Amino acid sequence: MALAVSLVSTVALACPDCPTAQVVRASVVGDDFWNNLVVLSVPFLLIGALSALLYRVGLPPRDVSAARVREQSEISS
């Protein structure tokens, strides 16, 4: 158990400004960051807007009493 804790604590003490971290940070938050963010988020926004529109418009209410009568007539036949 102590070995596991010591392994985790050594990873947690890693330097965030090492050269590898700087390269990764520069590649993630580079020139195309906003472009990529828009490309990734637009499909979710469109699907959400379309879902909200369809929910707002809704389907016409079904005639529940007619469906029950139809089911009872099928059962009794």
PDB file of N, CA and C in Angstrom:
ATOM      1  N   MET A   1       0.829  -1.191   0.000  1.00  0.00           N
ATOM      2  CA  MET A   1       0.000   0.000   0.000  1.00  0.00           C
ATOM      3  C   MET A   1       0.871   1.251   0.000  1.00  0.00           C
ATOM      4  N   ALA A   2       1.911   1.248   0.806  1.00  0.00           N
ATOM      5  CA  ALA A   2       2.803   2.399   0.865  1.00  0.00           C
ATOM      6  C   ALA A   2       3.525   2.595  -0.459  1.00  0.00           C
ATOM      7  N   LEU A   3       3.826   1.509  -1.153  1.00  0.00           N
ATOM      8  CA  LEU A   3       4.472   1.599  -2.448  1.00  0.00           C
ATOM      9  C   LEU A   3       3.558   2.265  -3.476  1.00  0.00           C
ATOM     10  N   ALA A   4       2.285   1.902  -3.444  1.00  0.00           N
ATOM     11  CA  ALA A   4       1.317   2.504  -4.369  1.00  0.00           C
ATOM     12  C   ALA A   4       1.174   3.992  -4.103  1.00  0.00           C
ATOM     13  N   VAL A   5       1.128   4.369  -2.845  1.00  0.00           N
ATOM     14  CA  VAL A   5       1.005   5.787  -2.492  1.00  0.00           C
ATOM     15  C   VAL A   5       2.239   6.552  -2.933  1.00  0.00           C
ATOM     16  N   SER A   6       3.410   5.961  -2.754  1.00  0.00           N
ATOM     17  CA  SER A   6       4.634   6.656  -3.146  1.00  0.00           C
ATOM     18  C   SER A   6       4.732   6.793  -4.665  1.00  0.00           C
ATOM     19  N   LEU A   7       4.230   5.814  -5.407  1.00  0.00           N
ATOM     20  CA  LEU A   7       4.236   5.922  -6.870  1.00  0.00           C
ATOM     21  C   LEU A   7       3.303   7.019  -7.348  1.00  0.00           C
ATOM     22  N   VAL A   8       2.135   7.106  -6.755  1.00  0.00           N
ATOM     23  CA  VAL A   8       1.176   8.141  -7.137  1.00  0.00           C
ATOM     24  C   VAL A   8       1.700   9.516  -6.755  1.00  0.00           C
ATOM     25  N   SER A   9       2.323   9.632  -5.597  1.00  0.00           N
ATOM     26  CA  SER A   9       2.806  10.943  -5.174  1.00  0.00           C
ATOM     27  C   SER A   9       3.967  11.422  -6.038  1.00  0.00           C
ATOM     28  N   THR A  10       4.782  10.511  -6.572  1.00  0.00           N
ATOM     29  CA  THR A  10       5.870  10.943  -7.453  1.00  0.00           C
ATOM     30  C   THR A  10       5.328  11.432  -8.778  1.00  0.00           C
ATOM     31  N   VAL A  11       4.256  10.831  -9.262  1.00  0.00           N
ATOM     32  CA  VAL A  11       3.656  11.299 -10.497  1.00  0.00           C
ATOM     33  C   VAL A  11       3.014  12.664 -10.277  1.00  0.00           C
ATOM     34  N   ALA A  12       2.410  12.865  -9.123  1.00  0.00           N
ATOM     35  CA  ALA A  12       1.751  14.130  -8.830  1.00  0.00           C
ATOM     36  C   ALA A  12       2.746  15.269  -8.651  1.00  0.00           C
ATOM     37  N   LEU A  13       3.986  14.964  -8.348  1.00  0.00           N
ATOM     38  CA  LEU A  13       4.991  15.998  -8.163  1.00  0.00           C
ATOM     39  C   LEU A  13       5.735  16.340  -9.456  1.00  0.00           C
ATOM     40  N   ALA A  14       5.264  15.837 -10.599  1.00  0.00           N
ATOM     41  CA  ALA A  14       5.926  16.109 -11.868  1.00  0.00           C
ATOM     42  C   ALA A  14       5.844  17.594 -12.191  1.00  0.00           C
ATOM     43  N   CYS A  15       6.865  18.082 -12.862  1.00  0.00           N
ATOM     44  CA  CYS A  15       6.955  19.503 -13.179  1.00  0.00           C
ATOM     45  C   CYS A  15       6.022  19.846 -14.342  1.00  0.00           C
ATOM     46  N   PRO A  16       5.109  20.824 -14.177  1.00  0.00           N
ATOM     47  CA  PRO A  16       4.196  21.182 -15.266  1.00  0.00           C
ATOM     48  C   PRO A  16       4.861  22.025 -16.352  1.00  0.00           C
ATOM     49  N   ASP A  17       6.061  22.529 -16.108  1.00  0.00           N
ATOM     50  CA  ASP A  17       6.725  23.371 -17.098  1.00  0.00           C
ATOM     51  C   ASP A  17       7.911  22.682 -17.751  1.00  0.00           C
ATOM     52  N   CYS A  18       7.917  21.349 -17.753  1.00  0.00           N
ATOM     53  CA  CYS A  18       9.002  20.640 -18.424  1.00  0.00           C
ATOM     54  C   CYS A  18       8.826  20.812 -19.938  1.00  0.00           C
ATOM     55  N   PRO A  19       9.851  20.569 -20.715  1.00  0.00           N
ATOM     56  CA  PRO A  19       9.758  20.774 -22.168  1.00  0.00           C
ATOM     57  C   PRO A  19       8.642  19.963 -22.834  1.00  0.00           C
ATOM     58  N   THR A  20       8.424  18.747 -22.372  1.00  0.00           N
ATOM     59  CA  THR A  20       7.368  17.925 -22.952  1.00  0.00           C
ATOM     60  C   THR A  20       5.996  18.545 -22.695  1.00  0.00           C
ATOM     61  N   ALA A  21       5.775  19.035 -21.489  1.00  0.00           N
ATOM     62  CA  ALA A  21       4.494  19.663 -21.162  1.00  0.00           C
ATOM     63  C   ALA A  21       4.285  20.927 -21.979  1.00  0.00           C
ATOM     64  N   GLN A  22       5.320  21.676 -22.224  1.00  0.00           N
ATOM     65  CA  GLN A  22       5.212  22.892 -23.022  1.00  0.00           C
ATOM     66  C   GLN A  22       4.848  22.570 -24.465  1.00  0.00           C
ATOM     67  N   VAL A  23       5.420  21.505 -25.003  1.00  0.00           N
ATOM     68  CA  VAL A  23       5.105  21.103 -26.379  1.00  0.00           C
ATOM     69  C   VAL A  23       3.657  20.653 -26.477  1.00  0.00           C
ATOM     70  N   VAL A  24       3.213  19.860 -25.518  1.00  0.00           N
ATOM     71  CA  VAL A  24       1.831  19.377 -25.535  1.00  0.00           C
ATOM     72  C   VAL A  24       0.862  20.536 -25.377  1.00  0.00           C
ATOM     73  N   ARG A  25       1.146  21.451 -24.457  1.00  0.00           N
ATOM     74  CA  ARG A  25       0.280  22.608 -24.251  1.00  0.00           C
ATOM     75  C   ARG A  25       0.207  23.464 -25.511  1.00  0.00           C
ATOM     76  N   ALA A  26       1.338  23.649 -26.184  1.00  0.00           N
ATOM     77  CA  ALA A  26       1.363  24.449 -27.406  1.00  0.00           C
ATOM     78  C   ALA A  26       0.576  23.769 -28.525  1.00  0.00           C
ATOM     79  N   SER A  27       0.608  22.434 -28.585  1.00  0.00           N
ATOM     80  CA  SER A  27      -0.125  21.741 -29.643  1.00  0.00           C
ATOM     81  C   SER A  27      -1.627  21.723 -29.366  1.00  0.00           C
ATOM     82  N   VAL A  28      -2.011  21.677 -28.096  1.00  0.00           N
ATOM     83  CA  VAL A  28      -3.439  21.666 -27.762  1.00  0.00           C
ATOM     84  C   VAL A  28      -4.031  23.057 -27.913  1.00  0.00           C
ATOM     85  N   VAL A  29      -3.379  24.052 -27.372  1.00  0.00           N
ATOM     86  CA  VAL A  29      -3.880  25.429 -27.418  1.00  0.00           C
ATOM     87  C   VAL A  29      -3.048  26.193 -28.451  1.00  0.00           C
ATOM     88  N   GLY A  30      -3.110  25.732 -29.685  1.00  0.00           N
ATOM     89  CA  GLY A  30      -2.347  26.362 -30.750  1.00  0.00           C
ATOM     90  C   GLY A  30      -3.205  27.334 -31.544  1.00  0.00           C
ATOM     91  N   ASP A  31      -2.781  27.566 -32.770  1.00  0.00           N
ATOM     92  CA  ASP A  31      -3.485  28.512 -33.637  1.00  0.00           C
ATOM     93  C   ASP A  31      -4.873  28.013 -34.039  1.00  0.00           C
ATOM     94  N   ASP A  32      -5.024  26.706 -34.173  1.00  0.00           N
ATOM     95  CA  ASP A  32      -6.304  26.147 -34.618  1.00  0.00           C
ATOM     96  C   ASP A  32      -7.236  25.768 -33.475  1.00  0.00           C
ATOM     97  N   PHE A  33      -6.964  26.219 -32.275  1.00  0.00           N
ATOM     98  CA  PHE A  33      -7.772  25.809 -31.121  1.00  0.00           C
ATOM     99  C   PHE A  33      -9.232  26.211 -31.290  1.00  0.00           C
ATOM    100  N   TRP A  34      -9.490  27.474 -31.607  1.00  0.00           N
ATOM    101  CA  TRP A  34     -10.877  27.933 -31.723  1.00  0.00           C
ATOM    102  C   TRP A  34     -11.567  27.309 -32.924  1.00  0.00           C
ATOM    103  N   ASN A  35     -10.810  27.106 -33.982  1.00  0.00           N
ATOM    104  CA  ASN A  35     -11.370  26.453 -35.159  1.00  0.00           C
ATOM    105  C   ASN A  35     -11.825  25.040 -34.823  1.00  0.00           C
ATOM    106  N   ASN A  36     -10.967  24.289 -34.153  1.00  0.00           N
ATOM    107  CA  ASN A  36     -11.304  22.922 -33.771  1.00  0.00           C
ATOM    108  C   ASN A  36     -12.451  22.884 -32.762  1.00  0.00           C
ATOM    109  N   LEU A  37     -12.481  23.833 -31.857  1.00  0.00           N
ATOM    110  CA  LEU A  37     -13.551  23.882 -30.869  1.00  0.00           C
ATOM    111  C   LEU A  37     -14.908  24.119 -31.534  1.00  0.00           C
ATOM    112  N   VAL A  38     -14.942  25.001 -32.508  1.00  0.00           N
ATOM    113  CA  VAL A  38     -16.188  25.263 -33.232  1.00  0.00           C
ATOM    114  C   VAL A  38     -16.619  24.033 -34.016  1.00  0.00           C
ATOM    115  N   VAL A  39     -15.680  23.402 -34.691  1.00  0.00           N
ATOM    116  CA  VAL A  39     -16.004  22.216 -35.487  1.00  0.00           C
ATOM    117  C   VAL A  39     -16.540  21.092 -34.600  1.00  0.00           C
ATOM    118  N   LEU A  40     -16.022  20.975 -33.402  1.00  0.00           N
ATOM    119  CA  LEU A  40     -16.493  19.931 -32.498  1.00  0.00           C
ATOM    120  C   LEU A  40     -17.832  20.267 -31.849  1.00  0.00           C
ATOM    121  N   SER A  41     -18.109  21.525 -31.612  1.00  0.00           N
ATOM    122  CA  SER A  41     -19.318  21.887 -30.870  1.00  0.00           C
ATOM    123  C   SER A  41     -20.540  22.130 -31.757  1.00  0.00           C
ATOM    124  N   VAL A  42     -20.352  22.463 -33.021  1.00  0.00           N
ATOM    125  CA  VAL A  42     -21.488  22.785 -33.887  1.00  0.00           C
ATOM    126  C   VAL A  42     -22.455  21.607 -34.050  1.00  0.00           C
ATOM    127  N   PRO A  43     -22.001  20.384 -34.274  1.00  0.00           N
ATOM    128  CA  PRO A  43     -22.989  19.296 -34.393  1.00  0.00           C
ATOM    129  C   PRO A  43     -23.851  19.124 -33.143  1.00  0.00           C
ATOM    130  N   PHE A  44     -23.261  19.268 -31.966  1.00  0.00           N
ATOM    131  CA  PHE A  44     -24.050  19.146 -30.738  1.00  0.00           C
ATOM    132  C   PHE A  44     -25.053  20.287 -30.619  1.00  0.00           C
ATOM    133  N   LEU A  45     -24.651  21.489 -31.008  1.00  0.00           N
ATOM    134  CA  LEU A  45     -25.569  22.620 -30.959  1.00  0.00           C
ATOM    135  C   LEU A  45     -26.713  22.445 -31.946  1.00  0.00           C
ATOM    136  N   LEU A  46     -26.422  21.958 -33.134  1.00  0.00           N
ATOM    137  CA  LEU A  46     -27.479  21.740 -34.128  1.00  0.00           C
ATOM    138  C   LEU A  46     -28.448  20.652 -33.690  1.00  0.00           C
ATOM    139  N   ILE A  47     -27.933  19.558 -33.183  1.00  0.00           N
ATOM    140  CA  ILE A  47     -28.809  18.473 -32.716  1.00  0.00           C
ATOM    141  C   ILE A  47     -29.642  18.945 -31.526  1.00  0.00           C
ATOM    142  N   GLY A  48     -29.047  19.718 -30.628  1.00  0.00           N
ATOM    143  CA  GLY A  48     -29.791  20.252 -29.493  1.00  0.00           C
ATOM    144  C   GLY A  48     -30.877  21.222 -29.923  1.00  0.00           C
ATOM    145  N   ALA A  49     -30.565  22.091 -30.879  1.00  0.00           N
ATOM    146  CA  ALA A  49     -31.559  23.047 -31.365  1.00  0.00           C
ATOM    147  C   ALA A  49     -32.698  22.331 -32.087  1.00  0.00           C
ATOM    148  N   LEU A  50     -32.358  21.341 -32.894  1.00  0.00           N
ATOM    149  CA  LEU A  50     -33.390  20.580 -33.595  1.00  0.00           C
ATOM    150  C   LEU A  50     -34.262  19.800 -32.607  1.00  0.00           C
ATOM    151  N   SER A  51     -33.649  19.220 -31.585  1.00  0.00           N
ATOM    152  CA  SER A  51     -34.420  18.502 -30.570  1.00  0.00           C
ATOM    153  C   SER A  51     -35.348  19.436 -29.809  1.00  0.00           C
ATOM    154  N   ALA A  52     -34.847  20.620 -29.465  1.00  0.00           N
ATOM    155  CA  ALA A  52     -35.677  21.593 -28.754  1.00  0.00           C
ATOM    156  C   ALA A  52     -36.846  22.048 -29.628  1.00  0.00           C
ATOM    157  N   LEU A  53     -36.581  22.245 -30.912  1.00  0.00           N
ATOM    158  CA  LEU A  53     -37.643  22.656 -31.826  1.00  0.00           C
ATOM    159  C   LEU A  53     -38.706  21.569 -31.947  1.00  0.00           C
ATOM    160  N   LEU A  54     -38.269  20.326 -32.112  1.00  0.00           N
ATOM    161  CA  LEU A  54     -39.238  19.238 -32.221  1.00  0.00           C
ATOM    162  C   LEU A  54     -40.005  19.035 -30.923  1.00  0.00           C
ATOM    163  N   TYR A  55     -39.347  19.236 -29.798  1.00  0.00           N
ATOM    164  CA  TYR A  55     -40.038  19.128 -28.516  1.00  0.00           C
ATOM    165  C   TYR A  55     -41.064  20.252 -28.369  1.00  0.00           C
ATOM    166  N   ARG A  56     -40.677  21.437 -28.808  1.00  0.00           N
ATOM    167  CA  ARG A  56     -41.581  22.600 -28.697  1.00  0.00           C
ATOM    168  C   ARG A  56     -42.791  22.435 -29.604  1.00  0.00           C
ATOM    169  N   VAL A  57     -42.567  21.957 -30.823  1.00  0.00           N
ATOM    170  CA  VAL A  57     -43.666  21.767 -31.762  1.00  0.00           C
ATOM    171  C   VAL A  57     -44.524  20.601 -31.304  1.00  0.00           C
ATOM    172  N   GLY A  58     -43.885  19.517 -30.953  1.00  0.00           N
ATOM    173  CA  GLY A  58     -44.585  18.357 -30.400  1.00  0.00           C
ATOM    174  C   GLY A  58     -45.385  17.594 -31.430  1.00  0.00           C
ATOM    175  N   LEU A  59     -45.877  16.475 -30.994  1.00  0.00           N
ATOM    176  CA  LEU A  59     -46.756  15.660 -31.817  1.00  0.00           C
ATOM    177  C   LEU A  59     -48.194  15.920 -31.403  1.00  0.00           C
ATOM    178  N   PRO A  60     -49.133  15.773 -32.328  1.00  0.00           N
ATOM    179  CA  PRO A  60     -50.531  15.970 -31.933  1.00  0.00           C
ATOM    180  C   PRO A  60     -50.946  14.906 -30.921  1.00  0.00           C
ATOM    181  N   PRO A  61     -51.790  15.258 -29.972  1.00  0.00           N
ATOM    182  CA  PRO A  61     -52.203  14.274 -28.961  1.00  0.00           C
ATOM    183  C   PRO A  61     -52.991  13.138 -29.601  1.00  0.00           C
ATOM    184  N   ARG A  62     -52.721  11.941 -29.109  1.00  0.00           N
ATOM    185  CA  ARG A  62     -53.439  10.778 -29.629  1.00  0.00           C
ATOM    186  C   ARG A  62     -54.791  10.674 -28.939  1.00  0.00           C
ATOM    187  N   ASP A  63     -55.720  10.112 -29.642  1.00  0.00           N
ATOM    188  CA  ASP A  63     -57.043   9.889 -29.068  1.00  0.00           C
ATOM    189  C   ASP A  63     -56.988   8.579 -28.295  1.00  0.00           C
ATOM    190  N   VAL A  64     -56.796   8.695 -26.983  1.00  0.00           N
ATOM    191  CA  VAL A  64     -56.595   7.526 -26.136  1.00  0.00           C
ATOM    192  C   VAL A  64     -57.870   6.696 -26.036  1.00  0.00           C
ATOM    193  N   SER A  65     -59.023   7.329 -25.968  1.00  0.00           N
ATOM    194  CA  SER A  65     -60.272   6.580 -25.818  1.00  0.00           C
ATOM    195  C   SER A  65     -60.558   5.737 -27.053  1.00  0.00           C
ATOM    196  N   ALA A  66     -60.260   6.245 -28.239  1.00  0.00           N
ATOM    197  CA  ALA A  66     -60.485   5.466 -29.463  1.00  0.00           C
ATOM    198  C   ALA A  66     -59.547   4.268 -29.514  1.00  0.00           C
ATOM    199  N   ALA A  67     -58.315   4.437 -29.041  1.00  0.00           N
ATOM    200  CA  ALA A  67     -57.364   3.327 -29.027  1.00  0.00           C
ATOM    201  C   ALA A  67     -57.823   2.246 -28.054  1.00  0.00           C
ATOM    202  N   ARG A  68     -58.370   2.638 -26.905  1.00  0.00           N
ATOM    203  CA  ARG A  68     -58.863   1.653 -25.934  1.00  0.00           C
ATOM    204  C   ARG A  68     -60.044   0.880 -26.498  1.00  0.00           C
ATOM    205  N   VAL A  69     -60.965   1.587 -27.165  1.00  0.00           N
ATOM    206  CA  VAL A  69     -62.123   0.912 -27.758  1.00  0.00           C
ATOM    207  C   VAL A  69     -61.664  -0.071 -28.815  1.00  0.00           C
ATOM    208  N   ARG A  70     -60.681   0.324 -29.626  1.00  0.00           N
ATOM    209  CA  ARG A  70     -60.165  -0.545 -30.669  1.00  0.00           C
ATOM    210  C   ARG A  70     -59.497  -1.783 -30.059  1.00  0.00           C
ATOM    211  N   GLU A  71     -58.742  -1.610 -28.971  1.00  0.00           N
ATOM    212  CA  GLU A  71     -58.090  -2.745 -28.300  1.00  0.00           C
ATOM    213  C   GLU A  71     -59.124  -3.693 -27.707  1.00  0.00           C
ATOM    214  N   GLN A  72     -60.165  -3.137 -27.081  1.00  0.00           N
ATOM    215  CA  GLN A  72     -61.189  -3.981 -26.467  1.00  0.00           C
ATOM    216  C   GLN A  72     -61.970  -4.737 -27.539  1.00  0.00           C
ATOM    217  N   SER A  73     -62.194  -4.124 -28.695  1.00  0.00           N
ATOM    218  CA  SER A  73     -62.915  -4.826 -29.747  1.00  0.00           C
ATOM    219  C   SER A  73     -62.069  -5.943 -30.339  1.00  0.00           C
ATOM    220  N   GLU A  74     -60.750  -5.762 -30.381  1.00  0.00           N
ATOM    221  CA  GLU A  74     -59.868  -6.821 -30.865  1.00  0.00           C
ATOM    222  C   GLU A  74     -59.812  -7.984 -29.885  1.00  0.00           C
ATOM    223  N   ILE A  75     -59.832  -7.670 -28.589  1.00  0.00           N
ATOM    224  CA  ILE A  75     -59.768  -8.714 -27.554  1.00  0.00           C
ATOM    225  C   ILE A  75     -61.062  -9.520 -27.542  1.00  0.00           C
ATOM    226  N   SER A  76     -62.199  -8.858 -27.662  1.00  0.00           N
ATOM    227  CA  SER A  76     -63.488  -9.552 -27.588  1.00  0.00           C
ATOM    228  C   SER A  76     -63.789 -10.328 -28.859  1.00  0.00           C
ATOM    229  N   SER A  77     -63.100 -10.036 -29.959  1.00  0.00           N
ATOM    230  CA  SER A  77     -63.373 -10.739 -31.228  1.00  0.00           C
ATOM    231  C   SER A  77     -62.791 -12.117 -31.251  1.00  0.00           C
TER     232      SER A  77
END
